[in-house]
Protein backbone atom coordinates (compact mmCIF):
# COMPACT_ATOMS: atom_id res chain seq x y z
CA MET A 1 16.89 -11.50 96.13
CA ALA A 2 15.71 -9.81 99.31
CA VAL A 3 16.08 -6.16 98.36
CA ASN A 4 13.92 -3.12 98.74
CA PRO A 5 11.69 -2.58 95.71
CA LYS A 6 13.15 -0.29 93.06
CA THR A 7 16.32 0.31 95.10
CA VAL A 8 19.65 -1.02 93.89
CA GLN A 9 21.46 -2.84 96.67
CA HIS A 10 25.23 -3.12 96.48
CA ILE A 11 26.14 -6.62 97.57
CA SER A 12 29.89 -6.78 97.06
CA GLU A 13 32.82 -5.00 95.49
CA CYS A 14 36.47 -5.65 94.86
CA PHE A 15 39.38 -4.28 92.86
CA ILE A 16 40.93 -6.06 89.91
CA LYS A 17 44.55 -5.66 88.89
CA PRO A 18 46.03 -6.68 85.54
CA HIS A 19 46.72 -10.42 85.29
CA ARG A 20 50.34 -9.48 84.75
CA ILE A 21 51.95 -6.05 84.97
CA PRO A 22 53.60 -4.84 81.76
CA PRO A 23 57.00 -3.17 82.38
CA GLU A 24 55.77 0.06 80.77
CA ALA A 25 53.05 0.32 83.44
CA MET A 26 55.76 1.35 85.90
CA ARG A 27 56.25 4.64 84.05
CA PRO A 28 53.91 7.67 84.13
CA TRP A 29 51.29 7.69 81.36
CA TYR A 30 51.07 11.33 80.37
CA LEU A 31 47.86 13.02 79.29
CA THR A 32 47.51 14.84 75.97
CA PRO A 33 45.78 18.20 75.44
CA TRP A 34 42.57 16.37 74.48
CA ASP A 35 42.78 14.31 77.70
CA LEU A 36 43.58 17.20 80.03
CA ALA A 37 40.71 19.27 78.68
CA MET A 38 38.34 16.58 80.04
CA LEU A 39 39.35 16.80 83.71
CA SER A 40 36.18 18.65 84.79
CA VAL A 41 33.62 16.65 82.79
CA GLN A 42 32.07 13.35 83.86
CA TYR A 43 32.85 9.68 83.34
CA ILE A 44 31.50 7.84 80.30
CA GLN A 45 28.67 5.59 81.52
CA LYS A 46 27.22 3.03 79.10
CA GLY A 47 25.91 -0.46 79.63
CA LEU A 48 23.94 -3.38 78.23
CA LEU A 49 20.85 -5.20 79.47
CA PHE A 50 20.76 -8.97 79.03
CA ALA A 51 18.08 -11.57 79.66
CA LYS A 52 19.06 -14.38 81.99
CA PRO A 53 19.37 -17.67 80.14
CA THR A 54 16.57 -20.13 80.85
CA PRO A 55 17.06 -22.39 83.92
CA HIS A 56 18.00 -25.50 81.95
CA GLN A 57 21.13 -23.74 80.78
CA HIS A 58 22.37 -23.69 84.38
CA PHE A 59 23.01 -19.95 84.50
CA ASN A 60 24.85 -19.03 87.67
CA ILE A 61 25.44 -15.36 88.48
CA VAL A 62 28.40 -16.17 90.73
CA ASP A 63 30.14 -18.19 88.02
CA MET A 64 29.47 -15.45 85.46
CA GLN A 65 30.98 -12.82 87.76
CA GLU A 66 34.10 -14.87 88.44
CA LYS A 67 34.65 -15.37 84.75
CA LEU A 68 34.05 -11.67 84.13
CA LYS A 69 36.55 -10.68 86.83
CA HIS A 70 39.18 -12.99 85.33
CA SER A 71 38.47 -11.59 81.85
CA LEU A 72 38.80 -8.05 83.22
CA ALA A 73 42.20 -8.88 84.73
CA LEU A 74 43.35 -10.19 81.35
CA THR A 75 41.90 -7.19 79.49
CA LEU A 76 43.71 -4.76 81.80
CA VAL A 77 47.04 -6.24 80.66
CA HIS A 78 46.34 -4.62 77.29
CA PHE A 79 44.64 -1.49 78.70
CA TYR A 80 46.90 -1.07 81.73
CA PRO A 81 46.32 2.73 82.16
CA LEU A 82 42.76 1.92 83.25
CA SER A 83 44.13 0.03 86.26
CA GLY A 84 45.88 3.15 87.57
CA ARG A 85 44.89 6.40 89.23
CA LEU A 86 45.42 10.01 88.31
CA ALA A 87 48.27 11.80 90.04
CA THR A 88 49.35 15.44 90.12
CA SER A 89 52.94 16.60 90.38
CA LYS A 90 53.32 20.22 91.54
CA THR A 91 56.36 22.43 91.98
CA GLU A 92 56.59 26.12 92.87
CA ASN A 93 59.98 27.03 91.44
CA PRO A 94 59.77 26.62 88.57
CA ALA A 95 55.97 26.62 88.60
CA SER A 96 54.60 23.33 87.32
CA TYR A 97 51.25 21.49 87.57
CA VAL A 98 51.28 18.13 85.75
CA VAL A 99 48.45 15.58 85.80
CA PHE A 100 49.26 12.04 84.67
CA VAL A 101 48.24 8.39 85.18
CA ASP A 102 50.14 6.45 87.82
CA CYS A 103 49.74 2.68 87.47
CA SER A 104 52.35 1.75 90.07
CA ASN A 105 50.36 2.79 93.14
CA SER A 106 46.75 1.70 92.61
CA PRO A 107 44.39 -1.04 93.78
CA GLY A 108 43.21 -1.47 90.17
CA ALA A 109 39.86 -1.35 88.42
CA ARG A 110 36.66 -1.62 90.48
CA PHE A 111 34.14 -4.45 90.19
CA VAL A 112 30.70 -4.12 91.79
CA TYR A 113 27.91 -6.66 92.19
CA ALA A 114 24.46 -5.25 92.91
CA ALA A 115 20.87 -6.47 92.81
CA LEU A 116 17.47 -4.94 92.08
CA ASP A 117 14.01 -6.41 92.64
CA MET A 118 12.72 -5.39 89.21
CA THR A 119 12.24 -7.09 85.87
CA ILE A 120 13.47 -6.38 82.35
CA SER A 121 9.96 -5.17 81.55
CA ASP A 122 10.14 -2.67 84.42
CA ILE A 123 13.20 -1.16 82.74
CA LEU A 124 12.18 -1.30 79.07
CA SER A 125 8.39 -0.94 79.06
CA PRO A 126 7.97 2.61 80.45
CA ALA A 127 7.97 5.34 77.81
CA TYR A 128 10.77 7.14 79.62
CA VAL A 129 14.01 5.65 80.89
CA PRO A 130 13.50 5.02 84.64
CA LEU A 131 15.75 6.99 86.98
CA VAL A 132 16.83 3.75 88.65
CA VAL A 133 18.95 3.02 85.55
CA GLN A 134 21.39 5.68 86.76
CA SER A 135 22.11 3.39 89.72
CA PHE A 136 23.42 0.72 87.35
CA PHE A 137 26.69 2.65 87.08
CA ASP A 138 29.55 3.59 89.36
CA HIS A 139 30.96 7.14 89.53
CA ASP A 140 27.56 8.82 89.74
CA ARG A 141 28.15 12.58 89.25
CA SER A 142 31.93 12.10 89.58
CA LEU A 143 34.23 14.37 87.63
CA ASN A 144 37.17 12.85 85.81
CA HIS A 145 39.54 14.61 88.22
CA ASP A 146 38.09 12.30 90.91
CA GLY A 147 40.21 9.60 89.27
CA HIS A 148 42.89 10.69 91.73
CA VAL A 149 41.01 8.75 94.42
CA GLN A 150 38.46 6.69 92.46
CA SER A 151 38.92 3.90 89.93
CA LEU A 152 39.47 4.90 86.33
CA VAL A 153 37.10 2.15 85.20
CA THR A 154 34.37 0.18 86.97
CA ILE A 155 32.34 -2.79 85.82
CA GLN A 156 29.04 -3.06 87.70
CA VAL A 157 26.92 -6.19 87.39
CA THR A 158 23.34 -5.50 88.50
CA GLU A 159 21.18 -8.60 88.79
CA LEU A 160 17.47 -8.19 88.05
CA ILE A 161 14.78 -10.80 88.62
CA ASP A 162 15.01 -12.03 85.02
CA GLY A 163 17.99 -10.15 83.65
CA VAL A 164 21.48 -8.79 84.18
CA PHE A 165 22.72 -5.29 83.44
CA ILE A 166 26.46 -4.87 82.84
CA GLY A 167 27.39 -1.23 83.23
CA CYS A 168 30.79 0.23 82.52
CA SER A 169 31.94 3.66 83.66
CA MET A 170 35.28 4.92 82.36
CA ASN A 171 37.19 8.08 83.09
CA HIS A 172 36.74 10.40 80.11
CA ALA A 173 40.18 11.97 80.63
CA ILE A 174 41.66 8.57 79.77
CA GLY A 175 39.69 7.89 76.60
CA ASP A 176 36.79 8.86 74.35
CA GLY A 177 33.85 6.83 73.04
CA SER A 178 36.03 4.95 70.56
CA SER A 179 38.40 3.95 73.35
CA PHE A 180 35.51 3.06 75.69
CA TRP A 181 33.95 0.62 73.23
CA HIS A 182 37.37 -0.72 72.18
CA PHE A 183 37.94 -1.66 75.83
CA LEU A 184 34.49 -3.19 76.28
CA ASN A 185 34.73 -5.05 72.95
CA THR A 186 38.04 -6.55 74.09
CA LEU A 187 36.58 -7.53 77.47
CA SER A 188 33.79 -9.35 75.64
CA GLU A 189 36.24 -10.98 73.23
CA ILE A 190 38.36 -12.34 76.08
CA PHE A 191 35.26 -13.47 78.00
CA GLN A 192 33.99 -15.39 74.97
CA ALA A 193 37.43 -16.98 74.54
CA GLN A 194 36.76 -18.64 77.91
CA GLY A 195 38.90 -16.15 79.77
CA GLY A 196 42.19 -17.38 78.36
CA ASP A 197 45.33 -15.24 78.06
CA VAL A 198 45.14 -15.21 74.27
CA PRO A 199 46.04 -12.66 71.58
CA ILE A 200 43.31 -10.08 70.97
CA SER A 201 42.07 -8.95 67.56
CA ARG A 202 42.66 -5.21 68.13
CA PRO A 203 45.56 -4.41 70.46
CA PRO A 204 45.22 -0.81 71.65
CA VAL A 205 47.87 1.73 70.67
CA LEU A 206 48.87 3.16 74.04
CA GLU A 207 51.73 5.35 72.77
CA ARG A 208 50.77 8.95 73.45
CA TRP A 209 50.20 11.33 70.51
CA PHE A 210 51.15 14.97 70.88
CA PRO A 211 51.15 17.72 68.23
CA ASP A 212 54.51 18.64 66.72
CA GLY A 213 56.55 20.75 69.12
CA CYS A 214 54.35 19.98 72.13
CA ASP A 215 56.16 18.92 75.29
CA PRO A 216 54.66 15.55 76.29
CA ILE A 217 54.79 16.67 79.92
CA ILE A 218 52.20 19.45 79.90
CA SER A 219 52.08 21.86 82.80
CA LEU A 220 48.64 23.35 83.38
CA PRO A 221 48.34 27.04 84.39
CA PHE A 222 46.89 26.28 87.82
CA THR A 223 48.08 25.87 91.39
CA HIS A 224 45.01 24.05 92.77
CA HIS A 225 42.24 21.93 91.24
CA ASP A 226 39.56 24.27 92.61
CA GLN A 227 40.65 26.70 89.92
CA PHE A 228 39.37 24.50 87.11
CA LEU A 229 36.85 22.04 88.56
CA CYS A 230 33.16 22.83 88.18
CA PRO A 231 30.57 20.20 89.26
CA PHE A 232 27.44 19.97 87.13
CA GLU A 233 23.90 19.11 88.17
CA ALA A 234 21.57 18.25 85.30
CA PRO A 235 18.24 20.11 85.08
CA LEU A 236 14.94 18.22 85.37
CA LEU A 237 14.80 16.08 82.24
CA LYS A 238 12.84 13.33 80.57
CA GLU A 239 14.91 10.73 78.77
CA ARG A 240 13.46 8.57 76.01
CA ILE A 241 14.77 6.16 73.38
CA PHE A 242 13.40 6.72 69.87
CA HIS A 243 13.93 4.06 67.22
CA PHE A 244 14.66 4.96 63.59
CA SER A 245 14.43 2.00 61.24
CA SER A 246 16.92 1.60 58.40
CA GLU A 247 14.09 2.57 56.02
CA SER A 248 13.35 5.82 57.85
CA ILE A 249 17.06 6.68 57.97
CA ALA A 250 17.35 6.03 54.23
CA LYS A 251 14.37 8.31 53.57
CA LEU A 252 15.89 11.14 55.57
CA LYS A 253 19.19 10.78 53.70
CA GLU A 254 17.47 10.67 50.31
CA LYS A 255 15.34 13.69 51.17
CA ALA A 256 18.29 15.77 52.36
CA ASN A 257 20.42 14.93 49.31
CA SER A 258 17.61 15.50 46.79
CA GLU A 259 16.79 18.89 48.30
CA CYS A 260 20.46 19.89 47.91
CA ASN A 261 20.92 18.20 44.53
CA THR A 262 23.87 16.21 45.88
CA ASN A 263 24.80 12.76 47.11
CA LYS A 264 27.38 13.87 49.69
CA ILE A 265 25.19 14.14 52.78
CA SER A 266 25.57 11.06 54.99
CA SER A 267 22.80 9.28 56.84
CA TYR A 268 24.07 10.57 60.18
CA GLN A 269 24.36 14.14 58.92
CA ALA A 270 20.76 13.99 57.69
CA LEU A 271 19.57 12.49 60.98
CA SER A 272 21.46 15.12 63.00
CA ALA A 273 19.94 17.94 60.97
CA PHE A 274 16.49 16.37 61.32
CA MET A 275 16.76 16.31 65.12
CA TRP A 276 18.14 19.85 65.14
CA ARG A 277 15.13 21.10 63.19
CA CYS A 278 12.54 19.15 65.19
CA ILE A 279 13.88 20.18 68.59
CA THR A 280 14.30 23.80 67.51
CA ARG A 281 10.71 23.88 66.24
CA ILE A 282 9.18 22.63 69.48
CA ARG A 283 11.25 25.11 71.51
CA HIS A 284 9.56 28.11 69.82
CA LEU A 285 12.74 30.18 69.87
CA PRO A 286 12.82 33.81 68.72
CA HIS A 287 13.45 34.18 64.98
CA ASP A 288 16.91 35.71 65.51
CA GLN A 289 18.06 33.30 68.23
CA ILE A 290 21.34 31.61 67.30
CA THR A 291 21.08 27.83 67.45
CA SER A 292 23.69 25.19 66.77
CA CYS A 293 23.94 21.50 66.00
CA ARG A 294 27.06 20.12 67.61
CA VAL A 295 28.35 16.74 66.50
CA ALA A 296 31.00 14.66 68.25
CA CYS A 297 33.75 13.93 65.72
CA ASN A 298 36.53 11.32 65.80
CA ASN A 299 39.76 12.98 64.65
CA ARG A 300 41.90 9.84 64.25
CA SER A 301 41.43 9.46 60.50
CA ARG A 302 41.39 13.21 59.90
CA LEU A 303 44.97 13.84 60.99
CA ASN A 304 47.80 13.69 58.47
CA PRO A 305 49.31 11.19 58.88
CA PRO A 306 46.23 9.55 60.39
CA LEU A 307 46.25 7.99 63.83
CA SER A 308 45.45 4.31 64.16
CA SER A 309 41.77 3.56 64.74
CA ASN A 310 43.07 1.60 67.75
CA TYR A 311 44.68 4.68 69.33
CA PHE A 312 43.67 4.67 73.00
CA GLY A 313 42.93 8.08 74.47
CA ASN A 314 40.88 11.11 73.54
CA CYS A 315 40.93 12.21 69.93
CA ILE A 316 37.66 14.06 69.46
CA ASP A 317 36.16 17.48 68.86
CA ALA A 318 32.59 18.76 68.91
CA LEU A 319 31.91 20.29 65.51
CA ARG A 320 29.37 23.08 65.23
CA ALA A 321 26.88 24.09 62.54
CA SER A 322 25.09 27.34 63.41
CA THR A 323 22.34 29.59 62.13
CA THR A 324 19.32 31.42 63.49
CA ALA A 325 16.18 29.56 64.52
CA GLY A 326 14.24 31.43 61.86
CA GLU A 327 16.65 30.52 59.06
CA LEU A 328 16.77 26.90 60.19
CA LEU A 329 13.00 26.44 60.11
CA GLU A 330 12.34 28.52 56.98
CA HIS A 331 14.64 26.28 54.94
CA ASN A 332 14.24 22.57 54.24
CA LEU A 333 16.02 19.55 55.72
CA GLY A 334 18.60 19.53 52.94
CA TRP A 335 19.69 23.08 53.74
CA SER A 336 20.35 22.32 57.41
CA ALA A 337 21.93 18.94 56.60
CA TRP A 338 24.36 20.75 54.27
CA LEU A 339 25.39 23.02 57.16
CA VAL A 340 26.19 19.92 59.21
CA HIS A 341 27.97 18.34 56.24
CA GLU A 342 30.16 21.41 55.77
CA ALA A 343 31.13 21.42 59.45
CA VAL A 344 32.22 17.79 59.13
CA VAL A 345 34.10 18.28 55.84
CA ASN A 346 35.95 21.31 57.18
CA GLN A 347 37.35 19.26 60.08
CA GLY A 348 40.71 18.41 58.53
CA ASP A 349 44.30 18.14 59.69
CA GLN A 350 44.96 21.90 59.57
CA THR A 351 41.83 22.80 61.53
CA ILE A 352 42.56 20.16 64.17
CA ARG A 353 46.16 21.28 64.62
CA GLU A 354 45.21 24.96 64.77
CA ARG A 355 42.73 24.21 67.55
CA LEU A 356 45.33 22.19 69.44
CA ASP A 357 47.94 24.92 69.00
CA SER A 358 45.49 27.43 70.45
CA TRP A 359 44.89 25.14 73.45
CA ILE A 360 48.61 24.66 74.06
CA LYS A 361 49.14 28.44 74.09
CA SER A 362 46.26 28.88 76.52
CA PRO A 363 45.31 25.58 78.20
CA CYS A 364 41.74 25.28 79.45
CA VAL A 365 39.53 22.62 81.00
CA TYR A 366 36.06 22.02 79.59
CA LYS A 367 33.08 22.55 81.88
CA ILE A 368 29.78 20.78 81.24
CA GLY A 369 27.79 23.86 82.20
CA GLU A 370 29.50 25.81 79.43
CA MET A 371 28.76 23.03 76.93
CA PHE A 372 25.07 23.16 77.88
CA ASP A 373 23.29 25.52 75.48
CA PRO A 374 19.49 25.47 75.91
CA HIS A 375 19.04 26.69 72.33
CA SER A 376 21.13 24.01 70.62
CA VAL A 377 21.37 20.27 70.04
CA MET A 378 24.37 18.08 70.87
CA MET A 379 24.74 14.79 68.99
CA GLY A 380 26.92 12.44 71.02
CA SER A 381 28.14 8.84 70.88
CA SER A 382 27.92 7.03 67.51
CA PRO A 383 25.86 4.30 65.82
CA ARG A 384 29.11 3.05 64.29
CA PHE A 385 30.51 1.67 67.54
CA ASN A 386 30.22 -2.09 68.03
CA LYS A 387 27.82 -2.12 70.96
CA TYR A 388 25.58 -5.14 70.44
CA GLY A 389 28.54 -7.36 69.59
CA ASN A 390 29.41 -7.50 73.30
CA GLU A 391 28.29 -10.80 74.81
CA PHE A 392 28.93 -12.26 78.26
CA GLY A 393 27.40 -15.71 78.17
CA MET A 394 23.80 -14.51 77.94
CA GLY A 395 23.40 -13.98 74.22
CA LYS A 396 22.86 -10.66 72.49
CA ALA A 397 21.88 -7.71 74.67
CA LEU A 398 18.26 -6.54 74.67
CA ALA A 399 19.02 -2.84 75.00
CA LEU A 400 21.68 -0.24 75.68
CA ARG A 401 21.34 2.42 78.35
CA SER A 402 23.50 5.19 79.83
CA GLY A 403 23.99 6.78 83.24
CA TYR A 404 23.61 10.25 84.69
CA ALA A 405 26.65 11.75 82.98
CA HIS A 406 26.52 14.47 80.31
CA LYS A 407 22.74 14.92 80.27
CA PHE A 408 21.24 18.31 79.44
CA SER A 409 18.39 19.71 77.35
CA GLY A 410 19.01 18.88 73.70
CA LYS A 411 21.55 16.11 74.34
CA VAL A 412 21.00 13.30 71.84
CA SER A 413 23.09 10.11 71.96
CA ALA A 414 23.11 7.82 68.94
CA TYR A 415 23.29 4.03 69.26
CA PRO A 416 22.97 1.32 66.62
CA GLY A 417 19.54 -0.29 66.51
CA ARG A 418 19.50 -3.79 67.95
CA GLU A 419 18.47 -5.32 64.60
CA GLY A 420 21.38 -3.63 62.80
CA GLY A 421 21.09 -2.90 59.09
CA GLY A 422 21.62 0.83 59.54
CA SER A 423 18.87 1.33 62.11
CA VAL A 424 19.55 3.84 64.87
CA ASP A 425 18.30 4.40 68.42
CA LEU A 426 18.43 7.96 69.69
CA GLU A 427 18.53 8.67 73.40
CA VAL A 428 16.93 12.12 73.69
CA CYS A 429 17.05 14.32 76.80
CA LEU A 430 14.61 17.23 77.11
CA PRO A 431 12.64 19.06 79.83
CA PRO A 432 9.21 17.43 80.36
CA HIS A 433 7.21 20.05 78.43
CA SER A 434 9.65 19.93 75.49
CA MET A 435 9.57 16.14 75.39
CA THR A 436 5.75 16.21 75.24
CA ALA A 437 5.93 18.70 72.39
CA LEU A 438 8.46 16.57 70.49
CA GLU A 439 6.29 13.48 70.86
CA SER A 440 3.41 15.47 69.34
CA ASP A 441 5.43 16.93 66.46
CA GLU A 442 4.01 15.58 63.20
CA GLU A 443 7.23 15.53 61.19
CA PHE A 444 9.09 13.80 64.01
CA PHE A 445 6.33 11.26 64.61
CA ASN A 446 6.13 10.37 60.91
CA ALA A 447 9.87 9.63 60.84
CA ILE A 448 9.72 7.13 63.70
CA ALA A 449 6.29 5.64 62.92
């Protein structure tokens, strides 16, 4: 591959339409309150790094791409909203501003082939995630509202000297992490079925869910997108992957529960509280500074009646446990883990509906800059998603990486460890001096050693 060193070269691109167009794709696909609130945040960008099969297995990048394109066309039959574009319908009298997905006037999903003159080791060996990884994804710095003119999903295949990175970027106003991995899992399932038009194991539920009494055609209180769009530039950060073995996770859970004389604190709640404490400690915040641990929460099973786990769209909230920095560090892990546990337990049907009712009365659009709190920790993604089960003819992935989107100081994304068994990889973003301090923190080091 004749490319400039450490520079991703885009070689080709095309658009992929569904293999066949479902009749329902001809109608507008309306966005829910959870979807509309995401219009000014960024695309979800996650991907997997694979090793090229050895030469005797006759690996051919062109053949792999063609099969992947065909599999994508078949997958889009089931996830047809991703083949569309956003559209806005505006009227002055009566005043109306409605954003929806239009699948009838779109070139489809985007497919990009790129190359990079680097090796797997160049990507995985450095202590910090190389910046070039951000180039493995489409929609760099795009806001979800850009889905009016950009694809709602892109698959980018980046060929390395000895590996292949398959990156997926999906419009966050169309779906959350559960929906993102549901789509990618289905793409992998169809690919492994030799690209045939066969039944899939988890058909997505595309029927829109709205709270009782909510008009499914929601008019936003704006006249122009400049009134709610707010681009976000991340501060200077270091990004590193820290591995927690199943044994270390079990120890944190046991410690948190024993210190609270309970067995109700989950592994993830203990891990979240642990990161909250460690990052707060190395920040040296004033004793009375309010600090929070925010945790992304899937609301599907928390509604009454519950939504299907296959519901496609956004169905999430960011829960918050808060205290002062002094209180957090003066108490033990169990105390902080219980705060996180209570925040999770209190997220029930009534709380969810009250929050939605408040949004409907006064619609707003989230802005990343307002979500960025330099005194707090945000736990995103989930180790429960099936990430390493995605295969595309090259065996199990070596590693998972993400793009530029949604990175700020204290952002922690949780992925399952490659070996499974309850192990977890945490992608931690911190300013350089804070990252150095975290790496030197004794309690943190002992947990990952």
